[in-house]
Amino acid sequence: STYAMGWFRQAPGKEREFVAAINWRGGTTY
């Protein structure tokens, strides 16, 4: 519950890419 967390995605034949992130303690998103 103190970590930052994120979503990533990977399409066939492509590298894994960033989608969104949230910092639980900072209360911010990107």
PDB file of all heavy atoms in Angstrom:
ATOM      1  N   SER A   1       0.814  -1.207   0.000  1.00  0.00           N
ATOM      2  CA  SER A   1       0.000   0.000   0.000  1.00  0.00           C
ATOM      3  C   SER A   1       0.853   1.264   0.000  1.00  0.00           C
ATOM      4  O   SER A   1       0.334   2.361  -0.183  1.00  0.00           O
ATOM      5  CB  SER A   1      -0.943   0.005   1.201  1.00  0.00           C
ATOM      6  OG  SER A   1      -0.189  -0.008   2.408  1.00  0.00           O
ATOM      7  N   THR A   2       2.157   1.130   0.216  1.00  0.00           N
ATOM      8  CA  THR A   2       3.038   2.293   0.201  1.00  0.00           C
ATOM      9  C   THR A   2       3.775   2.442  -1.131  1.00  0.00           C
ATOM     10  O   THR A   2       4.518   3.396  -1.324  1.00  0.00           O
ATOM     11  CB  THR A   2       4.080   2.213   1.325  1.00  0.00           C
ATOM     12  OG1 THR A   2       4.955   1.101   1.068  1.00  0.00           O
ATOM     13  CG2 THR A   2       3.417   2.016   2.674  1.00  0.00           C
ATOM     14  N   TYR A   3       3.590   1.515  -2.034  1.00  0.00           N
ATOM     15  CA  TYR A   3       4.309   1.531  -3.298  1.00  0.00           C
ATOM     16  C   TYR A   3       3.635   2.440  -4.314  1.00  0.00           C
ATOM     17  O   TYR A   3       2.477   2.814  -4.166  1.00  0.00           O
ATOM     18  CB  TYR A   3       4.394   0.128  -3.894  1.00  0.00           C
ATOM     19  CG  TYR A   3       5.149  -0.878  -3.072  1.00  0.00           C
ATOM     20  CD1 TYR A   3       5.081  -2.231  -3.381  1.00  0.00           C
ATOM     21  CD2 TYR A   3       5.925  -0.519  -1.985  1.00  0.00           C
ATOM     22  CE1 TYR A   3       5.766  -3.186  -2.653  1.00  0.00           C
ATOM     23  CE2 TYR A   3       6.613  -1.462  -1.238  1.00  0.00           C
ATOM     24  CZ  TYR A   3       6.530  -2.788  -1.582  1.00  0.00           C
ATOM     25  OH  TYR A   3       7.208  -3.722  -0.850  1.00  0.00           O
ATOM     26  N   ALA A   4       4.376   2.746  -5.371  1.00  0.00           N
ATOM     27  CA  ALA A   4       3.768   3.280  -6.577  1.00  0.00           C
ATOM     28  C   ALA A   4       3.385   2.077  -7.440  1.00  0.00           C
ATOM     29  O   ALA A   4       4.025   1.034  -7.375  1.00  0.00           O
ATOM     30  CB  ALA A   4       4.739   4.180  -7.322  1.00  0.00           C
ATOM     31  N   MET A   5       2.354   2.251  -8.253  1.00  0.00           N
ATOM     32  CA  MET A   5       1.911   1.137  -9.094  1.00  0.00           C
ATOM     33  C   MET A   5       1.605   1.629 -10.491  1.00  0.00           C
ATOM     34  O   MET A   5       1.315   2.814 -10.684  1.00  0.00           O
ATOM     35  CB  MET A   5       0.696   0.463  -8.483  1.00  0.00           C
ATOM     36  CG  MET A   5       0.990  -0.160  -7.133  1.00  0.00           C
ATOM     37  SD  MET A   5      -0.312  -1.207  -6.522  1.00  0.00           S
ATOM     38  CE  MET A   5      -0.157  -2.613  -7.628  1.00  0.00           C
ATOM     39  N   GLY A   6       1.688   0.711 -11.419  1.00  0.00           N
ATOM     40  CA  GLY A   6       1.474   1.116 -12.790  1.00  0.00           C
ATOM     41  C   GLY A   6       0.826   0.040 -13.630  1.00  0.00           C
ATOM     42  O   GLY A   6       0.748  -1.122 -13.227  1.00  0.00           O
ATOM     43  N   TRP A   7       0.346   0.480 -14.779  1.00  0.00           N
ATOM     44  CA  TRP A   7      -0.164  -0.419 -15.811  1.00  0.00           C
ATOM     45  C   TRP A   7       0.744  -0.310 -17.035  1.00  0.00           C
ATOM     46  O   TRP A   7       1.109   0.797 -17.448  1.00  0.00           O
ATOM     47  CB  TRP A   7      -1.588  -0.049 -16.212  1.00  0.00           C
ATOM     48  CG  TRP A   7      -2.637  -0.387 -15.202  1.00  0.00           C
ATOM     49  CD1 TRP A   7      -3.220   0.461 -14.311  1.00  0.00           C
ATOM     50  CD2 TRP A   7      -3.248  -1.660 -14.992  1.00  0.00           C
ATOM     51  NE1 TRP A   7      -4.142  -0.212 -13.545  1.00  0.00           N
ATOM     52  CE2 TRP A   7      -4.182  -1.522 -13.950  1.00  0.00           C
ATOM     53  CE3 TRP A   7      -3.094  -2.923 -15.581  1.00  0.00           C
ATOM     54  CZ2 TRP A   7      -4.965  -2.578 -13.483  1.00  0.00           C
ATOM     55  CZ3 TRP A   7      -3.872  -3.976 -15.120  1.00  0.00           C
ATOM     56  CH2 TRP A   7      -4.790  -3.799 -14.081  1.00  0.00           C
ATOM     57  N   PHE A   8       1.065  -1.448 -17.593  1.00  0.00           N
ATOM     58  CA  PHE A   8       1.819  -1.526 -18.838  1.00  0.00           C
ATOM     59  C   PHE A   8       1.044  -2.438 -19.790  1.00  0.00           C
ATOM     60  O   PHE A   8       0.152  -3.180 -19.367  1.00  0.00           O
ATOM     61  CB  PHE A   8       3.210  -2.116 -18.589  1.00  0.00           C
ATOM     62  CG  PHE A   8       4.143  -1.187 -17.857  1.00  0.00           C
ATOM     63  CD1 PHE A   8       4.010  -0.985 -16.489  1.00  0.00           C
ATOM     64  CD2 PHE A   8       5.148  -0.507 -18.530  1.00  0.00           C
ATOM     65  CE1 PHE A   8       4.863  -0.128 -15.805  1.00  0.00           C
ATOM     66  CE2 PHE A   8       6.000   0.350 -17.860  1.00  0.00           C
ATOM     67  CZ  PHE A   8       5.858   0.545 -16.496  1.00  0.00           C
ATOM     68  N   ARG A   9       1.415  -2.393 -21.065  1.00  0.00           N
ATOM     69  CA  ARG A   9       0.784  -3.302 -22.012  1.00  0.00           C
ATOM     70  C   ARG A   9       1.806  -3.763 -23.045  1.00  0.00           C
ATOM     71  O   ARG A   9       2.803  -3.076 -23.303  1.00  0.00           O
ATOM     72  CB  ARG A   9      -0.410  -2.636 -22.700  1.00  0.00           C
ATOM     73  CG  ARG A   9      -0.050  -1.457 -23.584  1.00  0.00           C
ATOM     74  CD  ARG A   9      -1.321  -0.787 -24.091  1.00  0.00           C
ATOM     75  NE  ARG A   9      -1.026   0.340 -24.986  1.00  0.00           N
ATOM     76  CZ  ARG A   9      -1.948   1.149 -25.480  1.00  0.00           C
ATOM     77  NH1 ARG A   9      -3.227   0.977 -25.169  1.00  0.00           N
ATOM     78  NH2 ARG A   9      -1.597   2.139 -26.289  1.00  0.00           N
ATOM     79  N   GLN A  10       1.517  -4.916 -23.609  1.00  0.00           N
ATOM     80  CA  GLN A  10       2.417  -5.466 -24.618  1.00  0.00           C
ATOM     81  C   GLN A  10       1.596  -6.097 -25.726  1.00  0.00           C
ATOM     82  O   GLN A  10       0.846  -7.066 -25.480  1.00  0.00           O
ATOM     83  CB  GLN A  10       3.362  -6.504 -23.997  1.00  0.00           C
ATOM     84  CG  GLN A  10       4.438  -6.978 -24.950  1.00  0.00           C
ATOM     85  CD  GLN A  10       5.557  -7.713 -24.231  1.00  0.00           C
ATOM     86  OE1 GLN A  10       5.405  -8.154 -23.095  1.00  0.00           O
ATOM     87  NE2 GLN A  10       6.701  -7.826 -24.886  1.00  0.00           N
ATOM     88  N   ALA A  11       1.728  -5.544 -26.913  1.00  0.00           N
ATOM     89  CA  ALA A  11       1.057  -6.082 -28.091  1.00  0.00           C
ATOM     90  C   ALA A  11       1.963  -7.111 -28.754  1.00  0.00           C
ATOM     91  O   ALA A  11       3.191  -7.067 -28.572  1.00  0.00           O
ATOM     92  CB  ALA A  11       0.730  -4.954 -29.055  1.00  0.00           C
ATOM     93  N   PRO A  12       1.401  -8.016 -29.546  1.00  0.00           N
ATOM     94  CA  PRO A  12       2.223  -9.040 -30.200  1.00  0.00           C
ATOM     95  C   PRO A  12       3.328  -8.417 -31.044  1.00  0.00           C
ATOM     96  O   PRO A  12       3.082  -7.497 -31.834  1.00  0.00           O
ATOM     97  CB  PRO A  12       1.210  -9.778 -31.087  1.00  0.00           C
ATOM     98  CG  PRO A  12      -0.089  -9.575 -30.410  1.00  0.00           C
ATOM     99  CD  PRO A  12      -0.031  -8.207 -29.813  1.00  0.00           C
ATOM    100  N   GLY A  13       4.541  -8.891 -30.831  1.00  0.00           N
ATOM    101  CA  GLY A  13       5.671  -8.414 -31.603  1.00  0.00           C
ATOM    102  C   GLY A  13       6.208  -7.058 -31.197  1.00  0.00           C
ATOM    103  O   GLY A  13       7.104  -6.523 -31.850  1.00  0.00           O
ATOM    104  N   LYS A  14       5.672  -6.497 -30.127  1.00  0.00           N
ATOM    105  CA  LYS A  14       6.111  -5.182 -29.679  1.00  0.00           C
ATOM    106  C   LYS A  14       6.658  -5.248 -28.260  1.00  0.00           C
ATOM    107  O   LYS A  14       6.394  -6.184 -27.517  1.00  0.00           O
ATOM    108  CB  LYS A  14       4.959  -4.180 -29.750  1.00  0.00           C
ATOM    109  CG  LYS A  14       4.474  -3.900 -31.162  1.00  0.00           C
ATOM    110  CD  LYS A  14       3.467  -2.768 -31.168  1.00  0.00           C
ATOM    111  CE  LYS A  14       3.039  -2.418 -32.584  1.00  0.00           C
ATOM    112  NZ  LYS A  14       2.080  -1.280 -32.601  1.00  0.00           N
ATOM    113  N   GLU A  15       7.407  -4.213 -27.890  1.00  0.00           N
ATOM    114  CA  GLU A  15       7.931  -4.141 -26.535  1.00  0.00           C
ATOM    115  C   GLU A  15       6.822  -3.727 -25.566  1.00  0.00           C
ATOM    116  O   GLU A  15       5.844  -3.095 -25.952  1.00  0.00           O
ATOM    117  CB  GLU A  15       9.075  -3.127 -26.480  1.00  0.00           C
ATOM    118  CG  GLU A  15      10.304  -3.559 -27.252  1.00  0.00           C
ATOM    119  CD  GLU A  15      11.476  -2.614 -27.051  1.00  0.00           C
ATOM    120  OE1 GLU A  15      11.284  -1.539 -26.465  1.00  0.00           O
ATOM    121  OE2 GLU A  15      12.579  -2.956 -27.495  1.00  0.00           O
ATOM    122  N   ARG A  16       7.044  -4.072 -24.312  1.00  0.00           N
ATOM    123  CA  ARG A  16       6.098  -3.660 -23.280  1.00  0.00           C
ATOM    124  C   ARG A  16       6.175  -2.151 -23.116  1.00  0.00           C
ATOM    125  O   ARG A  16       7.267  -1.576 -23.044  1.00  0.00           O
ATOM    126  CB  ARG A  16       6.441  -4.362 -21.964  1.00  0.00           C
ATOM    127  CG  ARG A  16       5.349  -4.285 -20.914  1.00  0.00           C
ATOM    128  CD  ARG A  16       5.614  -5.231 -19.759  1.00  0.00           C
ATOM    129  NE  ARG A  16       5.626  -6.624 -20.204  1.00  0.00           N
ATOM    130  CZ  ARG A  16       5.678  -7.656 -19.361  1.00  0.00           C
ATOM    131  NH1 ARG A  16       5.722  -7.438 -18.051  1.00  0.00           N
ATOM    132  NH2 ARG A  16       5.696  -8.888 -19.822  1.00  0.00           N
ATOM    133  N   GLU A  17       5.024  -1.505 -23.059  1.00  0.00           N
ATOM    134  CA  GLU A  17       5.004  -0.051 -22.970  1.00  0.00           C
ATOM    135  C   GLU A  17       4.165   0.435 -21.790  1.00  0.00           C
ATOM    136  O   GLU A  17       3.207  -0.221 -21.362  1.00  0.00           O
ATOM    137  CB  GLU A  17       4.461   0.567 -24.272  1.00  0.00           C
ATOM    138  CG  GLU A  17       3.013   0.280 -24.554  1.00  0.00           C
ATOM    139  CD  GLU A  17       2.473   1.067 -25.747  1.00  0.00           C
ATOM    140  OE1 GLU A  17       3.251   1.797 -26.399  1.00  0.00           O
ATOM    141  OE2 GLU A  17       1.263   0.945 -26.019  1.00  0.00           O
ATOM    142  N   PHE A  18       4.545   1.590 -21.300  1.00  0.00           N
ATOM    143  CA  PHE A  18       3.881   2.220 -20.171  1.00  0.00           C
ATOM    144  C   PHE A  18       2.497   2.719 -20.570  1.00  0.00           C
ATOM    145  O   PHE A  18       2.304   3.253 -21.664  1.00  0.00           O
ATOM    146  CB  PHE A  18       4.735   3.392 -19.680  1.00  0.00           C
ATOM    147  CG  PHE A  18       4.073   4.267 -18.669  1.00  0.00           C
ATOM    148  CD1 PHE A  18       3.941   3.845 -17.355  1.00  0.00           C
ATOM    149  CD2 PHE A  18       3.592   5.512 -19.020  1.00  0.00           C
ATOM    150  CE1 PHE A  18       3.342   4.654 -16.407  1.00  0.00           C
ATOM    151  CE2 PHE A  18       2.991   6.330 -18.086  1.00  0.00           C
ATOM    152  CZ  PHE A  18       2.867   5.907 -16.779  1.00  0.00           C
ATOM    153  N   VAL A  19       1.543   2.555 -19.647  1.00  0.00           N
ATOM    154  CA  VAL A  19       0.188   3.065 -19.852  1.00  0.00           C
ATOM    155  C   VAL A  19      -0.127   4.153 -18.828  1.00  0.00           C
ATOM    156  O   VAL A  19      -0.478   5.273 -19.188  1.00  0.00           O
ATOM    157  CB  VAL A  19      -0.849   1.935 -19.752  1.00  0.00           C
ATOM    158  CG1 VAL A  19      -2.265   2.499 -19.856  1.00  0.00           C
ATOM    159  CG2 VAL A  19      -0.608   0.879 -20.832  1.00  0.00           C
ATOM    160  N   ALA A  20      -0.004   3.836 -17.546  1.00  0.00           N
ATOM    161  CA  ALA A  20      -0.348   4.805 -16.499  1.00  0.00           C
ATOM    162  C   ALA A  20       0.255   4.367 -15.182  1.00  0.00           C
ATOM    163  O   ALA A  20       0.547   3.180 -14.986  1.00  0.00           O
ATOM    164  CB  ALA A  20      -1.863   4.950 -16.374  1.00  0.00           C
ATOM    165  N   ALA A  21       0.421   5.334 -14.269  1.00  0.00           N
ATOM    166  CA  ALA A  21       0.983   5.042 -12.954  1.00  0.00           C
ATOM    167  C   ALA A  21       0.281   5.854 -11.893  1.00  0.00           C
ATOM    168  O   ALA A  21      -0.278   6.929 -12.172  1.00  0.00           O
ATOM    169  CB  ALA A  21       2.484   5.330 -12.926  1.00  0.00           C
ATOM    170  N   ILE A  22       0.320   5.348 -10.678  1.00  0.00           N
ATOM    171  CA  ILE A  22      -0.261   6.039  -9.534  1.00  0.00           C
ATOM    172  C   ILE A  22       0.683   5.861  -8.348  1.00  0.00           C
ATOM    173  O   ILE A  22       1.267   4.791  -8.174  1.00  0.00           O
ATOM    174  CB  ILE A  22      -1.675   5.511  -9.212  1.00  0.00           C
ATOM    175  CG1 ILE A  22      -2.346   6.334  -8.117  1.00  0.00           C
ATOM    176  CG2 ILE A  22      -1.639   4.029  -8.824  1.00  0.00           C
ATOM    177  CD1 ILE A  22      -3.846   6.033  -7.964  1.00  0.00           C
ATOM    178  N   ASN A  23       0.827   6.914  -7.568  1.00  0.00           N
ATOM    179  CA  ASN A  23       1.608   6.825  -6.340  1.00  0.00           C
ATOM    180  C   ASN A  23       0.637   6.917  -5.178  1.00  0.00           C
ATOM    181  O   ASN A  23       0.010   7.950  -4.968  1.00  0.00           O
ATOM    182  CB  ASN A  23       2.647   7.961  -6.288  1.00  0.00           C
ATOM    183  CG  ASN A  23       3.628   7.781  -5.158  1.00  0.00           C
ATOM    184  OD1 ASN A  23       3.246   7.667  -3.995  1.00  0.00           O
ATOM    185  ND2 ASN A  23       4.907   7.735  -5.493  1.00  0.00           N
ATOM    186  N   TRP A  24       0.506   5.802  -4.454  1.00  0.00           N
ATOM    187  CA  TRP A  24      -0.497   5.744  -3.377  1.00  0.00           C
ATOM    188  C   TRP A  24      -0.281   6.865  -2.362  1.00  0.00           C
ATOM    189  O   TRP A  24      -1.229   7.555  -1.972  1.00  0.00           O
ATOM    190  CB  TRP A  24      -0.395   4.420  -2.623  1.00  0.00           C
ATOM    191  CG  TRP A  24      -0.802   3.194  -3.354  1.00  0.00           C
ATOM    192  CD1 TRP A  24      -0.001   2.112  -3.603  1.00  0.00           C
ATOM    193  CD2 TRP A  24      -2.082   2.868  -3.891  1.00  0.00           C
ATOM    194  NE1 TRP A  24      -0.713   1.156  -4.271  1.00  0.00           N
ATOM    195  CE2 TRP A  24      -1.985   1.582  -4.455  1.00  0.00           C
ATOM    196  CE3 TRP A  24      -3.304   3.547  -3.954  1.00  0.00           C
ATOM    197  CZ2 TRP A  24      -3.059   0.951  -5.071  1.00  0.00           C
ATOM    198  CZ3 TRP A  24      -4.376   2.918  -4.559  1.00  0.00           C
ATOM    199  CH2 TRP A  24      -4.233   1.639  -5.109  1.00  0.00           C
ATOM    200  N   ARG A  25       0.947   7.057  -1.940  1.00  0.00           N
ATOM    201  CA  ARG A  25       1.197   8.015  -0.860  1.00  0.00           C
ATOM    202  C   ARG A  25       1.165   9.446  -1.365  1.00  0.00           C
ATOM    203  O   ARG A  25       0.721  10.342  -0.659  1.00  0.00           O
ATOM    204  CB  ARG A  25       2.527   7.708  -0.181  1.00  0.00           C
ATOM    205  CG  ARG A  25       2.495   6.410   0.617  1.00  0.00           C
ATOM    206  CD  ARG A  25       3.804   6.191   1.343  1.00  0.00           C
ATOM    207  NE  ARG A  25       4.885   5.991   0.396  1.00  0.00           N
ATOM    208  CZ  ARG A  25       6.175   6.086   0.712  1.00  0.00           C
ATOM    209  NH1 ARG A  25       6.537   6.426   1.929  1.00  0.00           N
ATOM    210  NH2 ARG A  25       7.098   5.878  -0.197  1.00  0.00           N
ATOM    211  N   GLY A  26       1.638   9.659  -2.580  1.00  0.00           N
ATOM    212  CA  GLY A  26       1.626  11.014  -3.129  1.00  0.00           C
ATOM    213  C   GLY A  26       0.262  11.428  -3.654  1.00  0.00           C
ATOM    214  O   GLY A  26      -0.010  12.619  -3.808  1.00  0.00           O
ATOM    215  N   GLY A  27      -0.569  10.436  -3.940  1.00  0.00           N
ATOM    216  CA  GLY A  27      -1.899  10.737  -4.451  1.00  0.00           C
ATOM    217  C   GLY A  27      -1.906  11.286  -5.854  1.00  0.00           C
ATOM    218  O   GLY A  27      -2.843  11.987  -6.253  1.00  0.00           O
ATOM    219  N   THR A  28      -0.873  10.994  -6.617  1.00  0.00           N
ATOM    220  CA  THR A  28      -0.763  11.546  -7.962  1.00  0.00           C
ATOM    221  C   THR A  28      -0.813  10.437  -9.001  1.00  0.00           C
ATOM    222  O   THR A  28      -0.557   9.266  -8.710  1.00  0.00           O
ATOM    223  CB  THR A  28       0.556  12.311  -8.122  1.00  0.00           C
ATOM    224  OG1 THR A  28       1.636  11.468  -7.702  1.00  0.00           O
ATOM    225  CG2 THR A  28       0.549  13.567  -7.271  1.00  0.00           C
ATOM    226  N   THR A  29      -1.157  10.826 -10.228  1.00  0.00           N
ATOM    227  CA  THR A  29      -1.222   9.883 -11.337  1.00  0.00           C
ATOM    228  C   THR A  29      -0.540  10.465 -12.567  1.00  0.00           C
ATOM    229  O   THR A  29      -0.328  11.689 -12.655  1.00  0.00           O
ATOM    230  CB  THR A  29      -2.673   9.526 -11.703  1.00  0.00           C
ATOM    231  OG1 THR A  29      -3.345  10.715 -12.145  1.00  0.00           O
ATOM    232  CG2 THR A  29      -3.421   8.937 -10.518  1.00  0.00           C
ATOM    233  N   TYR A  30      -0.231   9.583 -13.498  1.00  0.00           N
ATOM    234  CA  TYR A  30       0.463   9.983 -14.725  1.00  0.00           C
ATOM    235  C   TYR A  30       0.084   8.983 -15.793  1.00  0.00           C
ATOM    236  O   TYR A  30       0.061   7.772 -15.534  1.00  0.00           O
ATOM    237  CB  TYR A  30       1.970   9.989 -14.484  1.00  0.00           C
ATOM    238  CG  TYR A  30       2.833  10.146 -15.719  1.00  0.00           C
ATOM    239  CD1 TYR A  30       2.664  11.224 -16.582  1.00  0.00           C
ATOM    240  CD2 TYR A  30       3.840   9.220 -16.007  1.00  0.00           C
ATOM    241  CE1 TYR A  30       3.466  11.360 -17.700  1.00  0.00           C
ATOM    242  CE2 TYR A  30       4.641   9.358 -17.123  1.00  0.00           C
ATOM    243  CZ  TYR A  30       4.451  10.433 -17.966  1.00  0.00           C
ATOM    244  OH  TYR A  30       5.242  10.584 -19.071  1.00  0.00           O
TER     245      TYR A  30
END
